[in-house]
N, C-alpha and C. Protein backbone atom coordinates (compact mmCIF):
# COMPACT_ATOMS: atom_id res chain seq x y z
N VAL A 1 0.82 -1.19 0.00
CA VAL A 1 0.00 0.00 0.00
C VAL A 1 0.87 1.26 0.00
N PHE A 2 1.93 1.29 0.85
CA PHE A 2 2.86 2.40 0.94
C PHE A 2 4.27 1.87 0.70
N PRO A 3 4.68 1.69 -0.55
CA PRO A 3 5.98 1.06 -0.81
C PRO A 3 7.18 1.82 -0.25
N GLU A 4 7.05 3.13 -0.05
CA GLU A 4 8.18 3.91 0.45
C GLU A 4 8.23 3.96 1.98
N LEU A 5 7.21 3.41 2.63
CA LEU A 5 7.14 3.43 4.09
C LEU A 5 8.27 2.58 4.68
N ALA A 6 8.99 3.14 5.63
CA ALA A 6 10.07 2.42 6.30
C ALA A 6 9.55 1.89 7.64
N ILE A 7 9.59 0.59 7.81
CA ILE A 7 9.20 -0.02 9.08
C ILE A 7 10.42 -0.74 9.64
N THR A 8 10.80 -0.34 10.84
CA THR A 8 11.93 -0.96 11.52
C THR A 8 11.43 -1.65 12.78
N SER A 9 12.27 -2.47 13.36
CA SER A 9 11.88 -3.16 14.59
C SER A 9 13.11 -3.53 15.40
N ASP A 10 12.93 -3.59 16.70
CA ASP A 10 13.93 -4.15 17.59
C ASP A 10 13.56 -5.61 17.83
N VAL A 11 14.54 -6.50 17.79
CA VAL A 11 14.28 -7.92 17.98
C VAL A 11 15.25 -8.46 19.02
N ILE A 12 14.70 -9.08 20.06
CA ILE A 12 15.53 -9.76 21.06
C ILE A 12 15.51 -11.24 20.72
N VAL A 13 16.68 -11.80 20.55
CA VAL A 13 16.84 -13.20 20.16
C VAL A 13 17.29 -14.01 21.36
N GLY A 14 16.75 -15.22 21.51
CA GLY A 14 17.23 -16.13 22.54
C GLY A 14 16.62 -15.95 23.91
N PHE A 15 15.39 -15.40 23.96
CA PHE A 15 14.70 -15.32 25.25
C PHE A 15 14.50 -16.75 25.74
N PRO A 16 14.57 -16.98 27.06
CA PRO A 16 14.44 -18.34 27.59
C PRO A 16 13.24 -19.08 27.00
N GLY A 17 13.51 -20.29 26.53
CA GLY A 17 12.46 -21.12 25.96
C GLY A 17 12.30 -20.98 24.45
N GLU A 18 12.98 -20.00 23.84
CA GLU A 18 12.85 -19.82 22.39
C GLU A 18 13.39 -21.05 21.67
N THR A 19 12.56 -21.66 20.84
CA THR A 19 12.97 -22.83 20.06
C THR A 19 13.43 -22.38 18.67
N GLU A 20 14.08 -23.29 17.96
CA GLU A 20 14.49 -23.00 16.58
C GLU A 20 13.25 -22.73 15.73
N GLU A 21 12.19 -23.47 15.97
CA GLU A 21 10.94 -23.28 15.21
C GLU A 21 10.37 -21.87 15.45
N GLU A 22 10.38 -21.42 16.69
CA GLU A 22 9.88 -20.07 17.00
C GLU A 22 10.77 -19.00 16.39
N PHE A 23 12.08 -19.23 16.45
CA PHE A 23 12.99 -18.28 15.83
C PHE A 23 12.72 -18.18 14.33
N MET A 24 12.54 -19.32 13.67
CA MET A 24 12.30 -19.33 12.23
C MET A 24 10.96 -18.67 11.89
N GLU A 25 9.99 -18.79 12.77
CA GLU A 25 8.71 -18.10 12.59
C GLU A 25 8.95 -16.59 12.55
N THR A 26 9.76 -16.11 13.48
CA THR A 26 10.12 -14.68 13.53
C THR A 26 10.88 -14.29 12.27
N TYR A 27 11.84 -15.10 11.87
CA TYR A 27 12.66 -14.85 10.68
C TYR A 27 11.77 -14.70 9.44
N HIS A 28 10.87 -15.65 9.25
CA HIS A 28 9.99 -15.63 8.07
C HIS A 28 9.03 -14.44 8.11
N PHE A 29 8.53 -14.13 9.29
CA PHE A 29 7.64 -12.97 9.43
C PHE A 29 8.36 -11.69 9.02
N ILE A 30 9.57 -11.52 9.50
CA ILE A 30 10.36 -10.32 9.16
C ILE A 30 10.61 -10.26 7.66
N ARG A 31 10.98 -11.38 7.08
CA ARG A 31 11.25 -11.42 5.64
C ARG A 31 9.99 -11.10 4.83
N GLU A 32 8.86 -11.66 5.24
CA GLU A 32 7.60 -11.43 4.52
C GLU A 32 7.12 -9.99 4.66
N GLN A 33 7.34 -9.39 5.81
CA GLN A 33 6.88 -8.02 6.05
C GLN A 33 7.82 -6.98 5.46
N ARG A 34 9.01 -7.40 5.06
CA ARG A 34 9.97 -6.52 4.38
C ARG A 34 10.37 -5.33 5.24
N PHE A 35 10.72 -5.58 6.49
CA PHE A 35 11.20 -4.51 7.36
C PHE A 35 12.36 -3.80 6.66
N SER A 36 12.43 -2.48 6.81
CA SER A 36 13.51 -1.74 6.16
C SER A 36 14.81 -1.83 6.95
N GLU A 37 14.72 -2.14 8.22
CA GLU A 37 15.93 -2.30 9.05
C GLU A 37 15.53 -2.94 10.38
N LEU A 38 16.46 -3.67 10.96
CA LEU A 38 16.26 -4.29 12.27
C LEU A 38 17.37 -3.87 13.21
N HIS A 39 17.04 -3.82 14.47
CA HIS A 39 18.03 -3.67 15.53
C HIS A 39 17.94 -4.98 16.32
N VAL A 40 18.96 -5.81 16.22
CA VAL A 40 18.92 -7.17 16.77
C VAL A 40 19.84 -7.28 17.97
N PHE A 41 19.31 -7.86 19.04
CA PHE A 41 20.07 -8.02 20.28
C PHE A 41 19.87 -9.42 20.83
N PRO A 42 20.92 -10.02 21.41
CA PRO A 42 20.72 -11.29 22.11
C PRO A 42 20.13 -11.00 23.49
N TYR A 43 19.26 -11.88 23.96
CA TYR A 43 18.73 -11.76 25.31
C TYR A 43 19.90 -11.86 26.28
N SER A 44 19.91 -10.99 27.28
CA SER A 44 20.95 -11.01 28.31
C SER A 44 20.31 -11.32 29.65
N LYS A 45 20.81 -12.35 30.29
CA LYS A 45 20.30 -12.75 31.59
C LYS A 45 20.64 -11.68 32.63
N ARG A 46 19.65 -11.21 33.36
CA ARG A 46 19.83 -10.21 34.40
C ARG A 46 19.45 -10.81 35.76
N THR A 47 20.40 -10.88 36.65
CA THR A 47 20.18 -11.44 37.98
C THR A 47 19.00 -10.74 38.65
N GLY A 48 18.14 -11.53 39.27
CA GLY A 48 17.01 -10.98 40.01
C GLY A 48 15.75 -10.80 39.18
N THR A 49 15.84 -11.03 37.89
CA THR A 49 14.64 -10.89 37.04
C THR A 49 13.95 -12.24 36.91
N PRO A 50 12.63 -12.23 36.68
CA PRO A 50 11.92 -13.51 36.49
C PRO A 50 12.49 -14.33 35.33
N ALA A 51 12.89 -13.67 34.24
CA ALA A 51 13.41 -14.40 33.08
C ALA A 51 14.72 -15.12 33.41
N ALA A 52 15.49 -14.58 34.33
CA ALA A 52 16.77 -15.21 34.70
C ALA A 52 16.53 -16.55 35.39
N ARG A 53 15.36 -16.70 36.00
CA ARG A 53 15.04 -17.95 36.71
C ARG A 53 14.25 -18.94 35.84
N MET A 54 13.93 -18.53 34.61
CA MET A 54 13.14 -19.40 33.74
C MET A 54 13.96 -20.60 33.27
N PRO A 55 13.29 -21.74 33.05
CA PRO A 55 14.00 -22.90 32.51
C PRO A 55 14.29 -22.69 31.02
N ASN A 56 15.07 -23.59 30.46
CA ASN A 56 15.37 -23.60 29.02
C ASN A 56 16.07 -22.32 28.55
N GLN A 57 17.10 -21.92 29.29
CA GLN A 57 17.91 -20.79 28.85
C GLN A 57 18.58 -21.19 27.52
N VAL A 58 18.59 -20.28 26.57
CA VAL A 58 19.16 -20.57 25.25
C VAL A 58 20.68 -20.39 25.32
N ASP A 59 21.39 -21.37 24.78
CA ASP A 59 22.84 -21.37 24.77
C ASP A 59 23.38 -20.12 24.06
N GLU A 60 24.46 -19.54 24.59
CA GLU A 60 25.06 -18.32 24.03
C GLU A 60 25.44 -18.50 22.56
N GLU A 61 26.00 -19.65 22.22
CA GLU A 61 26.40 -19.90 20.84
C GLU A 61 25.18 -19.89 19.90
N VAL A 62 24.09 -20.47 20.36
CA VAL A 62 22.85 -20.49 19.56
C VAL A 62 22.31 -19.07 19.41
N LYS A 63 22.32 -18.31 20.51
CA LYS A 63 21.85 -16.92 20.44
C LYS A 63 22.67 -16.12 19.44
N ASN A 64 23.99 -16.24 19.52
CA ASN A 64 24.86 -15.48 18.61
C ASN A 64 24.65 -15.87 17.16
N GLU A 65 24.46 -17.15 16.90
CA GLU A 65 24.21 -17.61 15.54
C GLU A 65 22.89 -17.04 15.02
N ARG A 66 21.87 -17.00 15.85
CA ARG A 66 20.57 -16.44 15.45
C ARG A 66 20.67 -14.94 15.23
N VAL A 67 21.41 -14.26 16.09
CA VAL A 67 21.61 -12.81 15.92
C VAL A 67 22.25 -12.56 14.55
N HIS A 68 23.29 -13.31 14.21
CA HIS A 68 23.97 -13.12 12.93
C HIS A 68 23.06 -13.40 11.74
N ARG A 69 22.19 -14.41 11.86
CA ARG A 69 21.25 -14.70 10.77
C ARG A 69 20.27 -13.55 10.58
N LEU A 70 19.79 -12.97 11.67
CA LEU A 70 18.85 -11.85 11.54
C LEU A 70 19.55 -10.59 11.05
N ILE A 71 20.78 -10.37 11.46
CA ILE A 71 21.52 -9.20 10.97
C ILE A 71 21.76 -9.33 9.47
N ALA A 72 22.09 -10.53 9.00
CA ALA A 72 22.28 -10.75 7.56
C ALA A 72 20.98 -10.49 6.81
N LEU A 73 19.86 -10.95 7.36
CA LEU A 73 18.56 -10.69 6.74
C LEU A 73 18.26 -9.20 6.74
N SER A 74 18.54 -8.53 7.84
CA SER A 74 18.31 -7.09 7.94
C SER A 74 19.13 -6.34 6.89
N ASP A 75 20.39 -6.70 6.72
CA ASP A 75 21.25 -6.05 5.72
C ASP A 75 20.67 -6.23 4.32
N GLN A 76 20.22 -7.44 4.02
CA GLN A 76 19.63 -7.74 2.71
C GLN A 76 18.36 -6.90 2.49
N LEU A 77 17.47 -6.88 3.48
CA LEU A 77 16.22 -6.13 3.36
C LEU A 77 16.48 -4.63 3.27
N ALA A 78 17.47 -4.14 4.02
CA ALA A 78 17.79 -2.71 3.98
C ALA A 78 18.29 -2.31 2.60
N LYS A 79 19.11 -3.15 1.99
CA LYS A 79 19.61 -2.87 0.63
C LYS A 79 18.46 -2.88 -0.37
N GLU A 80 17.57 -3.86 -0.24
CA GLU A 80 16.42 -3.94 -1.14
C GLU A 80 15.53 -2.71 -0.98
N TYR A 81 15.29 -2.30 0.25
CA TYR A 81 14.46 -1.12 0.51
C TYR A 81 15.10 0.12 -0.11
N ALA A 82 16.40 0.30 0.13
CA ALA A 82 17.09 1.49 -0.37
C ALA A 82 17.14 1.54 -1.89
N SER A 83 17.17 0.38 -2.53
CA SER A 83 17.32 0.33 -4.00
C SER A 83 16.19 1.05 -4.73
N GLN A 84 15.01 1.13 -4.12
CA GLN A 84 13.90 1.80 -4.80
C GLN A 84 14.10 3.31 -4.90
N PHE A 85 15.08 3.84 -4.17
CA PHE A 85 15.32 5.28 -4.17
C PHE A 85 16.51 5.69 -5.04
N GLU A 86 17.22 4.71 -5.60
CA GLU A 86 18.36 5.03 -6.44
C GLU A 86 17.90 5.87 -7.63
N GLY A 87 18.60 6.98 -7.86
CA GLY A 87 18.25 7.89 -8.94
C GLY A 87 17.27 8.98 -8.54
N GLN A 88 16.66 8.85 -7.36
CA GLN A 88 15.71 9.86 -6.89
C GLN A 88 16.43 10.97 -6.13
N VAL A 89 15.81 12.14 -6.12
CA VAL A 89 16.30 13.27 -5.33
C VAL A 89 15.46 13.32 -4.05
N LEU A 90 16.13 13.20 -2.90
CA LEU A 90 15.46 13.16 -1.61
C LEU A 90 15.95 14.30 -0.73
N GLU A 91 15.13 14.65 0.25
CA GLU A 91 15.55 15.64 1.24
C GLU A 91 16.34 14.92 2.33
N VAL A 92 17.47 15.51 2.68
CA VAL A 92 18.39 14.93 3.67
C VAL A 92 18.78 16.02 4.65
N ILE A 93 18.93 15.65 5.91
CA ILE A 93 19.50 16.57 6.91
C ILE A 93 20.89 16.06 7.24
N PRO A 94 21.94 16.77 6.79
CA PRO A 94 23.30 16.37 7.13
C PRO A 94 23.53 16.51 8.63
N GLU A 95 24.14 15.49 9.24
CA GLU A 95 24.37 15.51 10.69
C GLU A 95 25.83 15.63 11.07
N GLU A 96 26.71 14.98 10.30
CA GLU A 96 28.12 14.98 10.70
C GLU A 96 29.03 14.65 9.52
N ARG A 97 30.29 15.03 9.69
CA ARG A 97 31.32 14.70 8.71
C ARG A 97 31.55 13.18 8.74
N ASP A 98 31.89 12.61 7.60
CA ASP A 98 32.19 11.18 7.51
C ASP A 98 33.40 10.88 8.40
N LYS A 99 33.19 10.16 9.49
CA LYS A 99 34.27 9.87 10.44
C LYS A 99 35.31 8.91 9.88
N GLU A 100 34.90 8.06 8.93
CA GLU A 100 35.83 7.10 8.34
C GLU A 100 36.87 7.80 7.46
N ASN A 101 36.50 8.95 6.91
CA ASN A 101 37.39 9.68 6.01
C ASN A 101 37.10 11.18 6.15
N PRO A 102 37.50 11.78 7.28
CA PRO A 102 37.13 13.16 7.59
C PRO A 102 37.61 14.21 6.60
N GLU A 103 38.65 13.93 5.84
CA GLU A 103 39.17 14.91 4.89
C GLU A 103 38.50 14.81 3.52
N SER A 104 37.56 13.90 3.36
CA SER A 104 36.95 13.65 2.05
C SER A 104 35.93 14.70 1.63
N GLY A 105 35.44 15.50 2.58
CA GLY A 105 34.38 16.45 2.26
C GLY A 105 33.01 15.79 2.23
N LEU A 106 32.96 14.51 2.65
CA LEU A 106 31.68 13.80 2.69
C LEU A 106 31.04 13.95 4.06
N TYR A 107 29.73 14.03 4.06
CA TYR A 107 28.95 14.13 5.28
C TYR A 107 27.91 13.02 5.29
N ILE A 108 27.43 12.71 6.49
CA ILE A 108 26.41 11.69 6.68
C ILE A 108 25.13 12.39 7.13
N GLY A 109 24.03 12.00 6.52
CA GLY A 109 22.74 12.56 6.90
C GLY A 109 21.65 11.54 6.71
N TYR A 110 20.44 11.91 7.13
CA TYR A 110 19.30 11.00 7.05
C TYR A 110 18.15 11.63 6.27
N THR A 111 17.44 10.77 5.55
CA THR A 111 16.21 11.18 4.88
C THR A 111 15.06 11.05 5.87
N ASP A 112 13.86 11.46 5.46
CA ASP A 112 12.71 11.35 6.36
C ASP A 112 12.29 9.90 6.59
N ASN A 113 12.74 8.98 5.75
CA ASN A 113 12.43 7.56 5.96
C ASN A 113 13.66 6.80 6.46
N TYR A 114 14.58 7.53 7.07
CA TYR A 114 15.73 7.00 7.81
C TYR A 114 16.77 6.30 6.94
N LEU A 115 16.86 6.68 5.66
CA LEU A 115 17.98 6.20 4.86
C LEU A 115 19.21 7.01 5.24
N LYS A 116 20.30 6.33 5.48
CA LYS A 116 21.56 7.00 5.80
C LYS A 116 22.28 7.28 4.49
N VAL A 117 22.60 8.57 4.25
CA VAL A 117 23.19 8.98 2.98
C VAL A 117 24.53 9.66 3.22
N LYS A 118 25.52 9.26 2.41
CA LYS A 118 26.86 9.87 2.44
C LYS A 118 27.00 10.68 1.16
N PHE A 119 27.33 11.98 1.30
CA PHE A 119 27.40 12.85 0.13
C PHE A 119 28.29 14.06 0.40
N PRO A 120 28.78 14.72 -0.66
CA PRO A 120 29.61 15.91 -0.49
C PRO A 120 28.77 17.05 0.09
N ALA A 121 29.29 17.69 1.12
CA ALA A 121 28.59 18.81 1.76
C ALA A 121 29.62 19.69 2.45
N THR A 122 29.13 20.70 3.14
CA THR A 122 30.01 21.58 3.93
C THR A 122 29.47 21.66 5.34
N GLU A 123 30.31 22.11 6.26
CA GLU A 123 29.92 22.24 7.66
C GLU A 123 28.69 23.14 7.82
N GLU A 124 28.57 24.15 6.95
CA GLU A 124 27.44 25.09 7.02
C GLU A 124 26.11 24.40 6.73
N MET A 125 26.14 23.26 6.06
CA MET A 125 24.90 22.55 5.72
C MET A 125 24.38 21.68 6.85
N VAL A 126 25.21 21.41 7.85
CA VAL A 126 24.80 20.54 8.96
C VAL A 126 23.56 21.13 9.62
N GLY A 127 22.52 20.30 9.73
CA GLY A 127 21.27 20.73 10.35
C GLY A 127 20.29 21.37 9.38
N GLU A 128 20.74 21.67 8.16
CA GLU A 128 19.85 22.24 7.14
C GLU A 128 19.15 21.10 6.40
N ILE A 129 18.12 21.43 5.66
CA ILE A 129 17.48 20.45 4.77
C ILE A 129 18.06 20.68 3.38
N VAL A 130 18.62 19.61 2.81
CA VAL A 130 19.22 19.71 1.48
C VAL A 130 18.64 18.63 0.57
N LYS A 131 18.68 18.89 -0.72
CA LYS A 131 18.26 17.90 -1.72
C LYS A 131 19.51 17.14 -2.16
N VAL A 132 19.39 15.81 -2.18
CA VAL A 132 20.50 14.94 -2.56
C VAL A 132 19.97 13.88 -3.51
N LYS A 133 20.68 13.67 -4.61
CA LYS A 133 20.32 12.61 -5.54
C LYS A 133 21.02 11.33 -5.10
N ILE A 134 20.26 10.26 -4.92
CA ILE A 134 20.83 8.98 -4.51
C ILE A 134 21.46 8.35 -5.76
N THR A 135 22.78 8.26 -5.76
CA THR A 135 23.50 7.74 -6.92
C THR A 135 23.80 6.25 -6.81
N LYS A 136 23.88 5.76 -5.56
CA LYS A 136 24.14 4.33 -5.36
C LYS A 136 23.47 3.91 -4.06
N ALA A 137 22.46 3.05 -4.19
CA ALA A 137 21.78 2.53 -3.01
C ALA A 137 22.64 1.46 -2.36
N GLY A 138 22.60 1.40 -1.05
CA GLY A 138 23.37 0.39 -0.33
C GLY A 138 23.05 0.38 1.14
N TYR A 139 23.83 -0.35 1.88
CA TYR A 139 23.68 -0.41 3.33
C TYR A 139 25.05 -0.70 3.92
N PRO A 140 25.48 -0.02 4.94
CA PRO A 140 24.72 0.91 5.78
C PRO A 140 24.56 2.31 5.21
N TYR A 141 25.28 2.62 4.12
CA TYR A 141 25.17 3.96 3.54
C TYR A 141 24.65 3.89 2.11
N ASN A 142 23.94 4.93 1.74
CA ASN A 142 23.61 5.19 0.34
C ASN A 142 24.54 6.32 -0.08
N GLU A 143 24.99 6.29 -1.31
CA GLU A 143 25.85 7.37 -1.79
C GLU A 143 24.99 8.38 -2.53
N GLY A 144 25.31 9.66 -2.34
CA GLY A 144 24.51 10.69 -2.97
C GLY A 144 25.33 11.82 -3.52
N GLU A 145 24.64 12.66 -4.28
CA GLU A 145 25.25 13.82 -4.91
C GLU A 145 24.42 15.03 -4.50
N PHE A 146 25.08 16.02 -3.92
CA PHE A 146 24.39 17.23 -3.46
C PHE A 146 23.72 17.93 -4.64
N VAL A 147 22.46 18.37 -4.44
CA VAL A 147 21.73 19.10 -5.47
C VAL A 147 21.59 20.56 -5.07
N ARG A 148 20.97 20.80 -3.90
CA ARG A 148 20.81 22.18 -3.44
C ARG A 148 20.31 22.19 -2.00
N VAL A 149 20.42 23.36 -1.37
CA VAL A 149 19.90 23.57 -0.01
C VAL A 149 18.44 23.96 -0.13
N VAL A 150 17.57 23.26 0.56
CA VAL A 150 16.13 23.54 0.51
C VAL A 150 15.80 24.79 1.29
N THR A 151 16.47 24.99 2.42
CA THR A 151 16.13 26.14 3.26
C THR A 151 16.39 27.46 2.56
N ASP A 152 17.15 27.45 1.44
CA ASP A 152 17.32 28.67 0.65
C ASP A 152 16.01 29.07 -0.02
N ASP A 153 15.08 28.11 -0.15
CA ASP A 153 13.79 28.38 -0.79
C ASP A 153 12.83 29.12 0.13
N ILE A 154 13.11 29.14 1.42
CA ILE A 154 12.20 29.76 2.39
C ILE A 154 12.41 31.27 2.36
N PRO A 155 11.33 32.05 2.18
CA PRO A 155 11.47 33.51 2.18
C PRO A 155 12.08 34.00 3.50
N GLN A 156 12.91 35.01 3.43
CA GLN A 156 13.59 35.56 4.60
C GLN A 156 12.59 35.93 5.69
N SER A 157 11.42 36.44 5.31
CA SER A 157 10.42 36.86 6.30
C SER A 157 9.87 35.70 7.11
N VAL A 158 10.01 34.47 6.59
CA VAL A 158 9.49 33.29 7.29
C VAL A 158 10.56 32.62 8.14
N LYS A 159 11.84 32.80 7.80
CA LYS A 159 12.92 32.15 8.53
C LYS A 159 12.96 32.63 9.98
N LEU A 160 13.20 31.70 10.86
CA LEU A 160 13.33 32.03 12.28
C LEU A 160 14.73 32.54 12.55
N SER A 161 14.85 33.54 13.38
CA SER A 161 16.18 34.05 13.72
C SER A 161 16.78 33.21 14.82
N SER A 162 18.09 33.08 14.81
CA SER A 162 18.78 32.25 15.80
C SER A 162 19.05 33.02 17.05
């Protein structure tokens, strides 16, 4: 109904009593619903909690293997979701300089549907709304090309003073 809608979820894997069948039910549900991204965590036993006293604690190795399977699925779904925006011009709010390569002139920002985009920008653009053409869809980053600053379109009489 809304193909551009981004739906994300947090998933705790390995809660006491979780079977392989139940895990696979979750896996298939996520795949069928086409989540745009997942945040996956292994269940952590906390002393004094009711869950810590439950029988059938899931082995750490099993939990880690399930976490990795869901992260791989999340990466695949995120790439598929992002691919529909390749070639489109989207609004992005630049947040920070690319920490992996700070001298590159690249910045990281987010679209309104939480796509993370890496594109050429300047420090003055941080926090502004800018138009960016998505040149290469991917995950965790989409690559983009700066088009223009949107806030330049707002009449001076409407802009809020700092």
